[in-house]
Amino acid sequence: MIVLSTRQWDWTELCDIKMGDTRGSRAFPYLDTKHSLLTGIRPEWLTRWNSLPGTVAAGSLDGPALASAERILWVRVPQTCVAAEVSVTGSKGTILFCQLDVQRHITPSEPDYDPVAERVLLNMLRDMP
């Protein structure tokens, strides 16, 4: 399952995670991450979509589920996670939470279009079972 840039998560029985308000114009991969979300994306490309001022990450992740999650991206400080793959409670499945502001940057005909945002979305969808 993919959860893309949401302000709240109420399904704690599935995964006990919380959405925070921390935003950022630059996202950074955690040092040892090899997650497919970042395939073909250089770290410096996660700084300001289109090199314009604005939000790259629309929120943050917090809560007990992050303790065992594969953390992928952070903003401001490494403790502020904005993308992580989290295990489903009591199951073998996972949920990919991505708080990047991808939706507003994937339409090629719009001025806010950024090919990196499009690549992030395609990477997430490509790995869905």
Protein backbone atom coordinates (compact mmCIF):
# COMPACT_ATOMS: atom_id res chain seq x y z
CA MET A 1 0.00 0.00 0.00
CA ILE A 2 1.17 3.54 -0.72
CA VAL A 3 0.04 6.53 1.36
CA LEU A 4 0.97 9.73 -0.42
CA SER A 5 1.14 13.07 1.36
CA THR A 6 -1.69 12.84 3.85
CA ARG A 7 -2.45 15.10 6.80
CA GLN A 8 -3.82 12.37 9.05
CA TRP A 9 -3.83 8.60 9.53
CA ASP A 10 -6.62 7.05 11.56
CA TRP A 11 -6.06 3.36 10.85
CA THR A 12 -3.82 2.67 13.85
CA GLU A 13 -4.86 -1.00 13.95
CA LEU A 14 -3.09 -1.41 10.60
CA CYS A 15 -0.10 0.78 11.45
CA ASP A 16 0.49 3.03 14.46
CA ILE A 17 1.90 6.11 12.77
CA LYS A 18 1.20 9.80 13.14
CA MET A 19 1.43 12.65 10.66
CA GLY A 20 3.32 15.75 11.71
CA ASP A 21 3.33 19.29 10.37
CA THR A 22 7.05 19.69 9.70
CA ARG A 23 7.59 20.77 6.11
CA GLY A 24 10.73 21.38 4.14
CA SER A 25 12.04 22.63 0.81
CA ARG A 26 14.84 20.04 0.84
CA ALA A 27 14.66 16.32 1.48
CA PHE A 28 17.67 14.13 2.16
CA PRO A 29 18.09 10.35 1.91
CA TYR A 30 19.16 8.53 5.06
CA LEU A 31 22.79 7.44 4.71
CA ASP A 32 22.31 3.71 4.19
CA THR A 33 19.03 3.74 2.27
CA LYS A 34 18.88 1.79 -0.95
CA HIS A 35 15.09 2.03 -1.32
CA SER A 36 13.65 1.81 -4.83
CA LEU A 37 11.77 5.10 -4.25
CA LEU A 38 15.11 6.77 -5.01
CA THR A 39 16.02 4.79 -8.14
CA GLY A 40 17.47 7.15 -10.74
CA ILE A 41 17.25 10.15 -8.39
CA ARG A 42 20.34 11.99 -7.27
CA PRO A 43 20.13 13.41 -3.72
CA GLU A 44 20.58 17.01 -4.86
CA TRP A 45 17.45 16.70 -7.03
CA LEU A 46 15.30 16.61 -3.88
CA THR A 47 15.98 20.30 -3.25
CA ARG A 48 13.14 22.62 -4.24
CA TRP A 49 11.00 21.26 -7.06
CA ASN A 50 11.98 23.17 -10.22
CA SER A 51 14.60 25.04 -8.19
CA LEU A 52 11.81 27.37 -7.08
CA PRO A 53 11.05 28.27 -3.46
CA GLY A 54 8.40 26.03 -2.04
CA THR A 55 7.60 22.83 -0.27
CA VAL A 56 9.14 19.51 -1.24
CA ALA A 57 7.87 17.71 1.86
CA ALA A 58 4.33 18.54 2.94
CA GLY A 59 4.51 16.87 6.34
CA SER A 60 6.44 14.47 8.53
CA LEU A 61 6.01 11.02 10.05
CA ASP A 62 6.13 10.06 13.71
CA GLY A 63 4.84 7.38 16.05
CA PRO A 64 5.67 3.89 17.27
CA ALA A 65 5.68 2.27 13.81
CA LEU A 66 8.77 4.27 12.82
CA ALA A 67 10.90 2.38 15.35
CA SER A 68 11.13 -0.63 13.03
CA ALA A 69 10.52 1.17 9.71
CA GLU A 70 12.89 1.51 6.81
CA ARG A 71 13.44 5.26 6.86
CA ILE A 72 14.03 6.70 3.39
CA LEU A 73 13.98 10.52 3.49
CA TRP A 74 14.22 13.29 6.08
CA VAL A 75 13.94 17.09 6.24
CA ARG A 76 15.68 19.63 8.50
CA VAL A 77 17.21 17.02 10.84
CA PRO A 78 17.46 13.22 10.46
CA GLN A 79 14.88 12.74 13.24
CA THR A 80 12.25 14.33 10.97
CA CYS A 81 11.31 11.48 8.65
CA VAL A 82 9.17 12.25 5.57
CA ALA A 83 9.28 8.89 3.75
CA ALA A 84 9.39 5.40 5.25
CA GLU A 85 8.31 1.85 4.54
CA VAL A 86 6.47 0.52 7.59
CA SER A 87 5.36 -3.00 8.46
CA VAL A 88 1.65 -3.67 8.76
CA THR A 89 0.73 -4.67 12.32
CA GLY A 90 0.35 -8.46 12.55
CA SER A 91 1.00 -9.05 8.84
CA LYS A 92 3.78 -9.53 6.33
CA GLY A 93 2.69 -6.52 4.28
CA THR A 94 4.16 -3.03 4.25
CA ILE A 95 2.95 0.51 3.74
CA LEU A 96 5.05 3.10 1.97
CA PHE A 97 4.36 6.50 3.53
CA CYS A 98 5.65 9.38 1.43
CA GLN A 99 5.01 12.93 2.59
CA LEU A 100 6.68 14.53 -0.44
CA ASP A 101 4.44 17.03 -2.23
CA VAL A 102 4.43 14.98 -5.42
CA GLN A 103 0.83 15.51 -6.56
CA ARG A 104 1.21 19.21 -7.39
CA HIS A 105 4.31 18.62 -9.51
CA ILE A 106 3.49 15.78 -11.92
CA THR A 107 1.43 17.45 -14.65
CA PRO A 108 3.80 18.34 -17.53
CA SER A 109 1.60 21.17 -18.80
CA GLU A 110 1.62 22.98 -15.44
CA PRO A 111 4.31 25.52 -14.41
CA ASP A 112 5.04 23.59 -11.18
CA TYR A 113 5.88 20.39 -13.08
CA ASP A 114 9.11 18.73 -11.99
CA PRO A 115 10.45 15.54 -13.60
CA VAL A 116 11.90 14.41 -10.27
CA ALA A 117 8.44 14.42 -8.66
CA GLU A 118 7.19 12.38 -11.59
CA ARG A 119 10.08 9.91 -11.19
CA VAL A 120 9.36 9.54 -7.46
CA LEU A 121 5.73 8.67 -8.24
CA LEU A 122 6.68 6.22 -10.99
CA ASN A 123 9.21 4.56 -8.69
CA MET A 124 6.55 4.05 -6.02
CA LEU A 125 4.01 2.65 -8.47
CA ARG A 126 6.52 0.39 -10.21
CA ASP A 127 7.22 -1.54 -7.04
CA MET A 128 3.62 -2.20 -6.08
CA PRO A 129 2.80 -5.94 -6.02
